[in-house]
Amino acid sequence: MSVSMSRRTLLSAAAGSVAAVAVGTESGAAPGTRDHVSPALRELEAKIRTGMARYAIPGVAVGVWHHGTEYVRGFGVTNVDDPVPVDGDTVFRVASTTKTFTGTAAMRLVERGRLDLDRTVRSYLPDFRTSDPAASARVTVRQLLNHSAGWLGDFFLDTGTGADALARYVEAMAVLPQLTPPGKVFSYNNAALSLAGRLIEVITGASYEEAVRTLVLDPLRLRHSAFFLDDIPGASVAVPHGVDADGKPYAVPEAFAIPRSIHPAGGLISSARDQLRWARFHLGNGRTPDGRRLLTRRSMHEMQSHPGPGGTLFVELDGYGVSWMLRPTAQGPKVVQHGGDWAGQHSGFLMVPERDFALTVLTNSEGGPLLTAELFADDWALRRFAGVRNLPAVTRPVPDAALAAYEGRYSGSQIGFEGETATVEIDLVAAGGGLSVRVDGQEALRLAFYRRDYVRVLEPGGADTFFRANFVRGPDGQVAWLRYGGRLYRRGATTLRSAGTSLPLQRSTLPYPGLG
C-alpha cells in the first residue's frame, strides 16, 4: 500500500541534499572494523549513500544474508529535526511486508487444522459480503492471500482504535465493487489481507495483533517488531519525511500513524535486524532460533509455490503464493519478494532461496521509492549477489494501428480513511511507437512495449524507471485494463466517481501507486 504526502511524480535528483553518514556496524564485527566487508557489500553501501543524497532520504537501514554471512547496518539519521543515528535496531513501518506475517500466521492455523486455504471465507464468516453476492459466496481464503479476490483492493477506511476495528472494517466491505471474478485475475488487494486478519481473529479468539505476536513474533524472538510502539519500549523510531520543492527532506512524525483496520495489510513496525531474521526463517527449514519447529517444510514450500494469477507488480511475477510474490528470473531460480510503502516509510524485501540470499532495505522518506526501485525492481542486487537477472525486456516500436487497441481513458479508484472515494483518470495516447501516459493533458510517463501487452515504464524524457506494467484482456479478447503497480485501471467508463472531498489519504498516483 502507499500513501504519499504530496502529488509529486518523479523526485528530481538533488545530489548533496542530505548528509548520508554511515553509522553502526555490520553484524558480528567490532565497531570500526571494515576490512572484511566484501566488494559486493561495499558497492551496496555506495549505492545507498548515493541514493540518500540524490533522493533526500535522511535514514536507511539494510540487512543482507549472503553466503552464510549476516550483515546489518544503518545509515544517516532518524529525524532531520532531532538527528539520532539509524542502526540495525531502529524501527520503521514496514507496511505491506506485514502481509507475509499475516500469511505465516494463517499457515500456522492451517497446520493446526483450524483453517483451510481452499474453503470459502463464508465457511468462517457466514455474514461476509461485498457488493457482489455471488463473488462473496465463492471467494476462498487462498484467493485472499494470493491477491485474486477480485474486488477493489485499496480500501483504507479507518474504523477506530478499538478491539472491534477489523470487524467493523470487514462489515464495511459490503460497498466494495467486484472488478474481476474471484481467482481469475491478479490485482493487489489490501482489503483482502485485512479480511484474512479478521479470519485469524475469529479462529483464535484473540485480536489480530495478539494472535500474530503469539503465533509468529514471539517464537521467532523478533523483539523489535510489533504493531504498537508501546510494545517496543525505548525503540529508536525512523520518523517519516516528505521532500520539499527544493529537494530537501522535512519531518512529518504524524504520518507514522496507520488505521488499526489495515494492520494485517501493512501495520507492522520492525527493524532491519528483525527483517533479516524473518528472511532467514523463510529461507530455512521452518524452525525457531531455539530449534523448535514453527512450520513444516511442506507449509514453507506451499507459501512459496503454486502461484495464483500472474502479471506485474513493478516487475513481472508468476503470481502470489501464500502472501509471497513469486518473481521469475532469466536463469531460473525464483525470487520470493515483498516490500511496503506508507507515508515516508518505503522498504524492499527479497530472497533467492536457491542462492541463499536475502536483502531488506528500510527508508524514512518519500524519496525512498526511487532507491528501492534501484535495488529491488532493477536487477543490480540480484546480479551482484545471486547471479540472476530479470526476464529480458527489449523494447520495440509498435505501429500506430496496433497501438489503437490500447489507446483510451483508464480509471482506477481508492477509498480513503473516512470512506470517501477518489478516482484517478489517465489517458493513453499513441506516441513514438509506444504510449504516452497523460494526466490532465500533461505527459507523466511513457510506456514502451517489449512483448504483446507488456511494457516498460519510462520517464517522459525516456529514462528507465526500472518498472514494468501490463494490459489485461477481457473475455472478448479486447484490452480491458491497464495493470500498473499491481492495480487495475479500467479502460473506458469510470466505475467509481470521486466524492469531491479532500482526501486525508492522498496517494501520488504516478509513478508510485504502491510497492506490494
Protein backbone atom coordinates (compact mmCIF):
# COMPACT_ATOMS: atom_id res chain seq x y z
CA MET A 1 0.00 0.00 0.00
CA SER A 2 1.18 3.54 -0.46
CA VAL A 3 0.25 6.88 0.98
CA SER A 4 2.13 9.97 -0.15
CA MET A 5 2.42 13.41 1.41
CA SER A 6 2.46 15.18 -1.94
CA ARG A 7 1.33 14.74 -5.51
CA ARG A 8 4.87 14.72 -6.90
CA THR A 9 5.57 12.38 -9.77
CA LEU A 10 9.27 11.64 -10.12
CA LEU A 11 11.54 13.03 -7.45
CA SER A 12 14.23 15.10 -9.13
CA ALA A 13 17.83 14.29 -8.40
CA ALA A 14 19.13 16.51 -5.63
CA ALA A 15 22.72 15.50 -5.00
CA GLY A 16 24.03 16.64 -1.68
CA SER A 17 20.56 17.30 -0.29
CA VAL A 18 21.16 15.19 2.80
CA ALA A 19 24.29 14.07 4.56
CA ALA A 20 24.33 10.28 4.34
CA VAL A 21 26.80 9.26 7.02
CA ALA A 22 27.11 5.55 7.69
CA VAL A 23 26.75 4.62 11.34
CA GLY A 24 26.64 1.40 13.27
CA THR A 25 28.44 -1.80 12.35
CA GLU A 26 27.74 -4.87 10.32
CA SER A 27 26.53 -7.79 12.38
CA GLY A 28 29.33 -9.66 14.09
CA ALA A 29 32.02 -7.02 13.55
CA ALA A 30 33.77 -4.88 16.10
CA PRO A 31 32.99 -1.15 15.86
CA GLY A 32 35.04 0.43 13.13
CA THR A 33 36.06 -2.87 11.56
CA ARG A 34 35.50 -2.68 7.80
CA ASP A 35 38.29 -4.75 6.25
CA HIS A 36 36.30 -7.96 5.90
CA VAL A 37 33.32 -6.37 4.13
CA SER A 38 33.00 -7.94 0.67
CA PRO A 39 33.31 -5.87 -2.52
CA ALA A 40 29.60 -6.50 -3.22
CA LEU A 41 28.63 -5.08 0.16
CA ARG A 42 30.89 -2.08 -0.37
CA GLU A 43 29.14 -1.43 -3.69
CA LEU A 44 25.77 -1.73 -1.95
CA GLU A 45 26.86 0.78 0.69
CA ALA A 46 27.95 3.17 -2.04
CA LYS A 47 24.60 2.85 -3.85
CA ILE A 48 22.76 3.55 -0.61
CA ARG A 49 24.84 6.63 0.21
CA THR A 50 24.45 7.97 -3.31
CA GLY A 51 20.71 7.31 -3.26
CA MET A 52 20.26 9.01 0.10
CA ALA A 53 21.89 12.16 -1.21
CA ARG A 54 20.14 12.10 -4.57
CA TYR A 55 16.65 11.28 -3.32
CA ALA A 56 16.57 13.17 0.01
CA ILE A 57 16.46 10.17 2.34
CA PRO A 58 17.65 11.01 5.87
CA GLY A 59 17.90 7.41 7.12
CA VAL A 60 18.31 3.88 5.77
CA ALA A 61 18.73 0.51 7.45
CA VAL A 62 19.87 -2.53 5.50
CA GLY A 63 20.17 -6.24 6.14
CA VAL A 64 21.87 -8.82 3.88
CA TRP A 65 22.23 -12.58 4.16
CA HIS A 66 24.81 -13.80 1.65
CA HIS A 67 26.95 -16.95 1.55
CA GLY A 68 26.22 -17.73 5.20
CA THR A 69 27.14 -14.26 6.46
CA GLU A 70 24.77 -11.78 8.08
CA TYR A 71 25.28 -8.05 7.53
CA VAL A 72 23.17 -5.36 9.23
CA ARG A 73 23.94 -1.66 9.03
CA GLY A 74 22.38 1.77 9.50
CA PHE A 75 22.99 4.97 7.54
CA GLY A 76 22.03 8.55 8.33
CA VAL A 77 19.55 9.73 10.95
CA THR A 78 16.06 9.01 12.20
CA ASN A 79 14.88 12.64 12.09
CA VAL A 80 16.36 15.74 10.48
CA ASP A 81 14.95 17.86 13.35
CA ASP A 82 16.39 15.66 16.11
CA PRO A 83 19.16 13.62 14.48
CA VAL A 84 19.80 10.23 16.06
CA PRO A 85 21.89 7.69 14.14
CA VAL A 86 20.00 4.88 12.41
CA ASP A 87 21.21 1.40 13.33
CA GLY A 88 20.10 -2.17 12.77
CA ASP A 89 17.54 -1.96 15.59
CA THR A 90 15.93 1.33 14.52
CA VAL A 91 12.26 0.65 13.82
CA PHE A 92 10.39 1.61 10.64
CA ARG A 93 6.87 0.94 9.44
CA VAL A 94 7.45 -2.00 7.06
CA ALA A 95 3.96 -1.55 5.60
CA SER A 96 2.96 -4.29 3.15
CA THR A 97 5.69 -6.75 4.14
CA THR A 98 3.27 -7.21 7.06
CA LYS A 99 1.20 -9.33 4.67
CA THR A 100 3.81 -12.09 4.87
CA PHE A 101 3.34 -12.17 8.66
CA THR A 102 -0.42 -12.45 8.16
CA GLY A 103 0.16 -15.28 5.69
CA THR A 104 2.55 -17.09 8.03
CA ALA A 105 0.11 -16.81 10.94
CA ALA A 106 -2.58 -18.24 8.66
CA MET A 107 -0.33 -21.18 7.75
CA ARG A 108 0.19 -21.95 11.42
CA LEU A 109 -3.59 -22.20 11.77
CA VAL A 110 -3.71 -24.41 8.66
CA GLU A 111 -1.24 -26.80 10.29
CA ARG A 112 -3.40 -26.91 13.40
CA GLY A 113 -6.40 -27.90 11.30
CA ARG A 114 -8.28 -24.72 12.15
CA LEU A 115 -8.09 -23.08 8.72
CA ASP A 116 -8.35 -24.49 5.20
CA LEU A 117 -6.95 -22.32 2.43
CA ASP A 118 -9.36 -23.75 -0.13
CA ARG A 119 -12.55 -23.31 1.85
CA THR A 120 -14.66 -20.23 1.30
CA VAL A 121 -14.42 -17.18 3.51
CA ARG A 122 -18.09 -17.70 4.32
CA SER A 123 -17.14 -21.01 5.99
CA TYR A 124 -15.64 -18.89 8.77
CA LEU A 125 -17.55 -15.62 8.38
CA PRO A 126 -21.09 -16.53 7.26
CA ASP A 127 -22.19 -12.90 7.05
CA PHE A 128 -19.30 -11.72 4.86
CA ARG A 129 -20.29 -9.86 1.71
CA THR A 130 -19.11 -7.32 -0.82
CA SER A 131 -21.34 -5.64 -3.40
CA ASP A 132 -21.38 -8.85 -5.47
CA PRO A 133 -23.27 -11.61 -3.59
CA ALA A 134 -22.07 -14.40 -5.89
CA ALA A 135 -18.39 -13.44 -5.57
CA SER A 136 -18.73 -13.04 -1.81
CA ALA A 137 -20.04 -16.58 -1.57
CA ARG A 138 -17.31 -18.12 -3.77
CA VAL A 139 -14.10 -16.41 -2.68
CA THR A 140 -11.65 -18.66 -0.83
CA VAL A 141 -9.07 -17.98 1.85
CA ARG A 142 -6.29 -18.75 -0.63
CA GLN A 143 -7.63 -16.11 -3.01
CA LEU A 144 -7.37 -13.53 -0.23
CA LEU A 145 -3.71 -14.38 0.24
CA ASN A 146 -2.76 -14.54 -3.46
CA HIS A 147 -4.48 -11.26 -4.41
CA SER A 148 -7.07 -12.75 -6.74
CA ALA A 149 -10.23 -11.99 -4.71
CA GLY A 150 -11.21 -9.53 -7.43
CA TRP A 151 -12.82 -6.64 -5.55
CA LEU A 152 -11.47 -3.11 -5.18
CA GLY A 153 -8.40 -3.53 -3.01
CA ASP A 154 -7.36 -0.02 -1.96
CA PHE A 155 -9.88 0.38 0.86
CA PHE A 156 -8.33 2.32 3.75
CA LEU A 157 -11.36 3.03 5.94
CA ASP A 158 -10.38 3.98 9.49
CA THR A 159 -12.76 2.21 11.88
CA GLY A 160 -11.12 3.40 15.08
CA THR A 161 -8.62 2.04 17.57
CA GLY A 162 -10.88 -0.36 19.43
CA ALA A 163 -10.73 -4.13 19.50
CA ASP A 164 -13.62 -4.21 17.00
CA ALA A 165 -11.72 -2.23 14.33
CA LEU A 166 -11.27 -5.20 11.97
CA ALA A 167 -14.81 -6.48 12.47
CA ARG A 168 -16.22 -3.07 11.59
CA TYR A 169 -13.90 -2.79 8.58
CA VAL A 170 -14.99 -6.17 7.20
CA GLU A 171 -18.64 -5.25 7.66
CA ALA A 172 -17.98 -2.05 5.68
CA MET A 173 -16.52 -4.08 2.80
CA ALA A 174 -20.12 -4.54 1.65
CA VAL A 175 -19.68 -1.41 -0.51
CA LEU A 176 -16.67 -2.72 -2.48
CA PRO A 177 -17.25 -3.25 -6.21
CA GLN A 178 -16.19 -6.53 -7.78
CA LEU A 179 -13.74 -5.80 -10.61
CA THR A 180 -12.98 -9.35 -11.77
CA PRO A 181 -14.22 -12.86 -10.83
CA PRO A 182 -12.51 -14.47 -7.81
CA GLY A 183 -9.42 -16.48 -8.68
CA LYS A 184 -9.13 -15.25 -12.29
CA VAL A 185 -7.02 -12.06 -12.29
CA PHE A 186 -4.19 -10.76 -10.12
CA SER A 187 -4.97 -7.36 -8.62
CA TYR A 188 -3.14 -6.20 -5.50
CA ASN A 189 -5.64 -6.23 -2.66
CA ASN A 190 -5.09 -4.61 0.72
CA ALA A 191 -8.71 -5.19 1.75
CA ALA A 192 -8.38 -8.94 1.20
CA LEU A 193 -5.45 -9.10 3.61
CA SER A 194 -7.34 -7.19 6.29
CA LEU A 195 -10.15 -9.71 5.81
CA ALA A 196 -7.60 -12.50 6.29
CA GLY A 197 -6.58 -10.79 9.52
CA ARG A 198 -10.19 -10.84 10.65
CA LEU A 199 -10.33 -14.59 9.95
CA ILE A 200 -7.30 -15.02 12.22
CA GLU A 201 -9.13 -13.10 14.96
CA VAL A 202 -12.29 -15.20 14.65
CA ILE A 203 -10.42 -18.51 14.62
CA THR A 204 -8.07 -17.73 17.52
CA GLY A 205 -10.45 -15.68 19.66
CA ALA A 206 -7.67 -13.08 20.10
CA SER A 207 -7.04 -9.73 18.48
CA TYR A 208 -5.14 -9.89 15.21
CA GLU A 209 -2.11 -8.22 16.80
CA GLU A 210 -2.06 -10.61 19.77
CA ALA A 211 -2.51 -13.63 17.51
CA VAL A 212 0.44 -12.66 15.29
CA ARG A 213 2.58 -11.96 18.34
CA THR A 214 1.79 -15.38 19.81
CA LEU A 215 1.95 -17.34 16.55
CA VAL A 216 4.93 -15.65 14.90
CA LEU A 217 6.75 -12.75 16.58
CA ASP A 218 7.47 -14.28 19.99
CA PRO A 219 8.54 -17.75 18.76
CA LEU A 220 10.99 -16.12 16.34
CA ARG A 221 12.26 -13.68 19.01
CA LEU A 222 11.50 -10.62 16.89
CA ARG A 223 11.93 -8.22 19.80
CA HIS A 224 11.86 -5.06 17.68
CA SER A 225 8.66 -5.96 15.83
CA ALA A 226 5.13 -5.04 16.91
CA PHE A 227 2.01 -3.20 15.81
CA PHE A 228 2.09 -0.57 18.54
CA LEU A 229 5.16 1.45 19.54
CA ASP A 230 4.25 0.98 23.20
CA ASP A 231 5.09 -2.70 22.73
CA ILE A 232 8.71 -1.81 21.84
CA PRO A 233 9.72 0.35 24.81
CA GLY A 234 12.72 2.58 24.21
CA ALA A 235 12.77 1.93 20.49
CA SER A 236 14.57 4.35 18.18
CA VAL A 237 11.96 5.34 15.58
CA ALA A 238 12.66 6.33 11.97
CA VAL A 239 10.43 9.39 11.56
CA PRO A 240 8.68 9.76 8.17
CA HIS A 241 9.87 12.61 5.93
CA GLY A 242 8.45 14.42 2.96
CA VAL A 243 10.52 16.15 0.30
CA ASP A 244 10.01 19.85 -0.42
CA ALA A 245 10.15 21.67 -3.76
CA ASP A 246 13.88 22.27 -3.29
CA GLY A 247 14.58 18.57 -2.82
CA LYS A 248 15.09 18.81 0.94
CA PRO A 249 13.60 16.37 3.45
CA TYR A 250 11.30 17.59 6.23
CA ALA A 251 9.98 15.56 9.15
CA VAL A 252 6.30 14.58 9.30
CA PRO A 253 6.09 12.49 12.51
CA GLU A 254 2.28 12.32 12.44
CA ALA A 255 2.44 10.34 9.17
CA PHE A 256 3.73 7.30 11.08
CA ALA A 257 0.18 6.54 12.26
CA ILE A 258 -1.89 3.93 10.43
CA PRO A 259 -5.52 2.84 10.92
CA ARG A 260 -5.84 -0.30 13.02
CA SER A 261 -8.28 -1.64 10.43
CA ILE A 262 -5.43 -2.18 7.97
CA HIS A 263 -2.87 -3.61 10.38
CA PRO A 264 -2.99 -7.05 8.66
CA ALA A 265 -2.23 -5.41 5.32
CA GLY A 266 0.51 -3.04 6.44
CA GLY A 267 0.72 -2.14 10.13
CA LEU A 268 3.87 -3.90 11.36
CA ILE A 269 6.73 -1.88 12.88
CA SER A 270 10.09 -3.62 12.60
CA SER A 271 13.86 -3.24 12.28
CA ALA A 272 16.38 -4.32 9.67
CA ARG A 273 17.81 -6.88 12.08
CA ASP A 274 14.37 -8.42 12.69
CA GLN A 275 13.51 -8.32 9.00
CA LEU A 276 16.70 -10.20 8.19
CA ARG A 277 15.85 -12.76 10.87
CA TRP A 278 12.44 -13.06 9.18
CA ALA A 279 14.18 -13.70 5.86
CA ARG A 280 16.44 -16.34 7.36
CA PHE A 281 13.41 -18.13 8.79
CA HIS A 282 11.73 -18.23 5.37
CA LEU A 283 14.98 -19.31 3.74
CA GLY A 284 15.36 -22.07 6.30
CA ASN A 285 13.59 -25.18 7.48
CA GLY A 286 10.74 -23.70 9.48
CA ARG A 287 12.44 -23.76 12.87
CA THR A 288 12.71 -21.10 15.56
CA PRO A 289 16.09 -19.88 16.90
CA ASP A 290 15.90 -22.48 19.69
CA GLY A 291 15.33 -25.28 17.18
CA ARG A 292 11.58 -25.70 17.69
CA ARG A 293 9.62 -26.30 14.50
CA LEU A 294 7.24 -23.44 13.72
CA LEU A 295 6.14 -24.61 10.25
CA THR A 296 6.63 -27.87 8.43
CA ARG A 297 8.77 -27.98 5.30
CA ARG A 298 5.60 -28.67 3.35
CA SER A 299 3.98 -25.46 4.61
CA MET A 300 7.12 -23.45 3.92
CA HIS A 301 7.13 -24.82 0.37
CA GLU A 302 3.44 -24.09 -0.14
CA MET A 303 3.88 -20.47 0.81
CA GLN A 304 6.50 -20.06 -1.94
CA SER A 305 4.89 -22.14 -4.70
CA HIS A 306 1.64 -22.78 -6.60
CA PRO A 307 1.16 -19.13 -7.53
CA GLY A 308 -2.19 -17.67 -8.36
CA PRO A 309 -2.73 -15.49 -11.46
CA GLY A 310 0.35 -13.56 -12.59
CA GLY A 311 1.13 -10.26 -14.26
CA THR A 312 3.19 -7.34 -13.00
CA LEU A 313 3.81 -5.58 -9.72
CA PHE A 314 6.53 -3.20 -10.92
CA VAL A 315 8.39 -6.34 -12.04
CA GLU A 316 6.99 -9.39 -13.75
CA LEU A 317 5.61 -12.01 -11.42
CA ASP A 318 4.42 -15.58 -11.80
CA GLY A 319 1.81 -14.75 -9.19
CA TYR A 320 1.50 -14.87 -5.42
CA GLY A 321 1.85 -17.98 -3.32
CA VAL A 322 0.59 -17.65 0.24
CA SER A 323 1.29 -13.93 0.74
CA TRP A 324 4.66 -14.07 -1.08
CA MET A 325 5.20 -12.53 -4.51
CA LEU A 326 6.94 -15.09 -6.74
CA ARG A 327 9.14 -13.49 -9.37
CA PRO A 328 10.83 -15.30 -12.28
CA THR A 329 14.43 -14.80 -13.39
CA ALA A 330 16.17 -15.38 -16.70
CA GLN A 331 18.39 -18.04 -15.08
CA GLY A 332 15.51 -19.97 -13.47
CA PRO A 333 15.81 -19.57 -9.68
CA LYS A 334 12.74 -17.75 -8.38
CA VAL A 335 12.78 -14.58 -6.33
CA VAL A 336 10.49 -14.52 -3.30
CA GLN A 337 9.67 -10.91 -2.62
CA HIS A 338 7.60 -8.29 -0.89
CA GLY A 339 8.12 -4.74 0.27
CA GLY A 340 5.99 -1.95 1.58
CA ASP A 341 5.02 1.69 1.23
CA TRP A 342 3.43 4.06 3.69
CA ALA A 343 3.80 7.81 4.08
CA GLY A 344 7.53 8.44 4.41
CA GLN A 345 8.20 4.73 5.07
CA HIS A 346 9.27 2.78 1.97
CA SER A 347 11.02 -0.58 2.04
CA GLY A 348 12.03 -3.56 -0.04
CA PHE A 349 12.45 -7.23 0.88
CA LEU A 350 13.52 -10.14 -1.31
CA MET A 351 15.02 -13.61 -1.10
CA VAL A 352 16.51 -16.04 -3.62
CA PRO A 353 16.18 -19.35 -1.76
CA GLU A 354 18.23 -21.34 -4.28
CA ARG A 355 21.12 -18.92 -3.81
CA ASP A 356 20.74 -18.49 -0.02
CA PHE A 357 20.47 -14.72 -0.44
CA ALA A 358 18.21 -12.14 1.19
CA LEU A 359 18.11 -8.34 1.15
CA THR A 360 15.99 -5.91 3.16
CA VAL A 361 16.21 -2.12 2.97
CA LEU A 362 14.13 0.32 5.06
CA THR A 363 13.89 4.07 4.36
CA ASN A 364 12.24 7.03 6.07
CA SER A 365 11.47 9.41 3.18
CA GLU A 366 9.13 9.94 0.26
CA GLY A 367 12.30 9.69 -1.81
CA GLY A 368 12.55 6.05 -0.71
CA PRO A 369 10.75 4.50 -3.71
CA LEU A 370 13.48 5.73 -6.04
CA LEU A 371 16.15 3.94 -4.02
CA THR A 372 14.09 0.77 -3.58
CA ALA A 373 13.40 0.77 -7.34
CA GLU A 374 17.15 0.69 -7.97
CA LEU A 375 17.67 -2.18 -5.53
CA PHE A 376 14.50 -4.27 -5.91
CA ALA A 377 12.96 -3.60 -9.36
CA ASP A 378 16.20 -3.24 -11.28
CA ASP A 379 18.31 -6.37 -11.14
CA TRP A 380 21.61 -4.91 -9.90
CA ALA A 381 21.38 -6.54 -6.45
CA LEU A 382 20.13 -9.83 -7.89
CA ARG A 383 23.02 -9.95 -10.36
CA ARG A 384 25.68 -8.87 -7.89
CA PHE A 385 24.73 -11.15 -5.02
CA ALA A 386 22.72 -14.04 -6.50
CA GLY A 387 23.83 -14.26 -10.13
CA VAL A 388 20.31 -13.94 -11.55
CA ARG A 389 18.60 -11.31 -13.73
CA ASN A 390 15.16 -10.07 -14.61
CA LEU A 391 13.45 -11.63 -17.59
CA PRO A 392 14.63 -9.83 -20.75
CA ALA A 393 12.58 -6.82 -21.83
CA VAL A 394 13.96 -5.35 -25.05
CA THR A 395 11.56 -2.66 -26.22
CA ARG A 396 10.49 -2.20 -29.83
CA PRO A 397 8.30 0.34 -31.61
CA VAL A 398 4.72 -0.70 -32.34
CA PRO A 399 2.76 0.62 -35.35
CA ASP A 400 0.06 3.15 -34.59
CA ALA A 401 -2.57 0.80 -35.99
CA ALA A 402 -1.68 -1.78 -33.32
CA LEU A 403 -1.43 0.85 -30.57
CA ALA A 404 -5.03 1.86 -31.23
CA ALA A 405 -6.10 -1.27 -29.32
CA TYR A 406 -4.57 0.21 -26.17
CA GLU A 407 -5.43 3.88 -26.53
CA GLY A 408 -8.13 5.47 -24.43
CA ARG A 409 -9.04 6.68 -20.97
CA TYR A 410 -8.34 4.43 -17.99
CA SER A 411 -9.58 4.90 -14.45
CA GLY A 412 -8.92 3.43 -11.03
CA SER A 413 -10.24 4.16 -7.57
CA GLN A 414 -9.43 4.02 -3.89
CA ILE A 415 -11.47 4.61 -0.75
CA GLY A 416 -9.88 6.78 1.93
CA PHE A 417 -9.77 6.90 5.71
CA GLU A 418 -13.20 8.47 6.05
CA GLY A 419 -14.91 6.40 3.37
CA GLU A 420 -14.51 8.97 0.59
CA THR A 421 -13.76 7.77 -2.92
CA ALA A 422 -11.09 9.20 -5.19
CA THR A 423 -10.90 8.26 -8.85
CA VAL A 424 -7.77 8.62 -10.94
CA GLU A 425 -8.16 9.06 -14.70
CA ILE A 426 -5.31 8.80 -17.20
CA ASP A 427 -5.24 8.94 -20.99
CA LEU A 428 -3.07 6.66 -23.11
CA VAL A 429 -2.16 8.12 -26.50
CA ALA A 430 -0.01 6.59 -29.23
CA ALA A 431 3.35 8.38 -29.48
CA GLY A 432 6.71 7.40 -30.94
CA GLY A 433 5.93 3.71 -31.29
CA GLY A 434 4.65 3.43 -27.73
CA LEU A 435 2.10 5.07 -25.46
CA SER A 436 2.15 8.44 -23.72
CA VAL A 437 0.53 8.42 -20.27
CA ARG A 438 -1.21 11.75 -19.77
CA VAL A 439 -2.76 13.21 -16.64
CA ASP A 440 -4.85 16.36 -17.17
CA GLY A 441 -3.31 16.66 -20.63
CA GLN A 442 0.31 16.55 -19.41
CA GLU A 443 2.64 13.64 -20.11
CA ALA A 444 3.52 11.87 -16.88
CA LEU A 445 5.12 8.66 -18.20
CA ARG A 446 5.76 6.68 -21.35
CA LEU A 447 5.05 3.01 -21.98
CA ALA A 448 7.34 1.07 -24.35
CA PHE A 449 6.28 -2.42 -25.44
CA TYR A 450 8.66 -5.35 -25.14
CA ARG A 451 6.10 -8.06 -25.94
CA ARG A 452 2.39 -8.26 -26.50
CA ASP A 453 0.54 -6.46 -23.69
CA TYR A 454 3.73 -5.92 -21.60
CA VAL A 455 5.52 -2.57 -21.28
CA ARG A 456 8.47 -0.91 -19.64
CA VAL A 457 7.62 2.29 -17.78
CA LEU A 458 9.76 5.26 -18.81
CA GLU A 459 10.05 8.85 -17.66
CA PRO A 460 8.78 11.48 -20.14
CA GLY A 461 12.35 12.03 -21.31
CA GLY A 462 12.78 8.32 -21.97
CA ALA A 463 14.84 7.33 -18.91
CA ASP A 464 14.04 3.91 -17.46
CA THR A 465 12.17 3.79 -14.14
CA PHE A 466 13.01 0.03 -13.83
CA PHE A 467 9.26 -0.66 -13.63
CA ARG A 468 7.07 -2.87 -15.82
CA ALA A 469 3.32 -2.90 -16.36
CA ASN A 470 0.89 -4.86 -18.49
CA PHE A 471 -2.52 -4.83 -20.08
CA VAL A 472 -5.27 -7.33 -19.23
CA ARG A 473 -7.77 -8.50 -21.82
CA GLY A 474 -11.41 -9.22 -21.18
CA PRO A 475 -13.43 -12.30 -22.19
CA ASP A 476 -13.91 -10.80 -25.66
CA GLY A 477 -10.15 -10.60 -26.23
CA GLN A 478 -10.11 -6.80 -26.15
CA VAL A 479 -7.91 -4.75 -23.82
CA ALA A 480 -9.98 -4.13 -20.70
CA TRP A 481 -7.47 -2.99 -18.08
CA LEU A 482 -4.03 -1.49 -17.53
CA ARG A 483 -2.30 -3.16 -14.61
CA TYR A 484 0.10 -0.66 -13.05
CA GLY A 485 1.67 -1.14 -9.64
CA GLY A 486 -0.43 -4.27 -9.36
CA ARG A 487 -3.67 -2.24 -9.53
CA LEU A 488 -6.23 -2.44 -12.30
CA TYR A 489 -7.18 0.69 -14.25
CA ARG A 490 -10.32 0.10 -16.30
CA ARG A 491 -10.38 1.11 -19.94
CA GLY A 492 -13.46 3.13 -20.76
CA ALA A 493 -16.21 4.13 -18.32
CA THR A 494 -15.29 5.03 -14.75
CA THR A 495 -16.72 2.60 -12.19
CA LEU A 496 -16.44 4.88 -9.16
CA ARG A 497 -16.70 8.63 -9.10
CA SER A 498 -14.87 10.99 -6.78
CA ALA A 499 -16.82 12.18 -3.77
CA GLY A 500 -15.26 15.57 -4.38
CA THR A 501 -13.67 15.85 -0.95
CA SER A 502 -10.06 16.38 0.01
CA LEU A 503 -8.54 13.04 0.90
CA PRO A 504 -6.59 12.75 4.14
CA LEU A 505 -5.10 9.78 2.29
CA GLN A 506 -3.90 11.22 -1.00
CA ARG A 507 -1.69 8.89 -2.96
CA SER A 508 0.71 10.04 -5.63
CA THR A 509 -0.85 8.09 -8.46
CA LEU A 510 2.09 8.13 -10.85
CA PRO A 511 4.59 6.63 -10.84
CA TYR A 512 4.33 5.08 -7.36
CA PRO A 513 0.87 3.72 -6.59
CA GLY A 514 2.31 1.36 -4.02
CA LEU A 515 5.01 -1.29 -4.00
CA GLY A 516 3.46 -4.60 -2.97
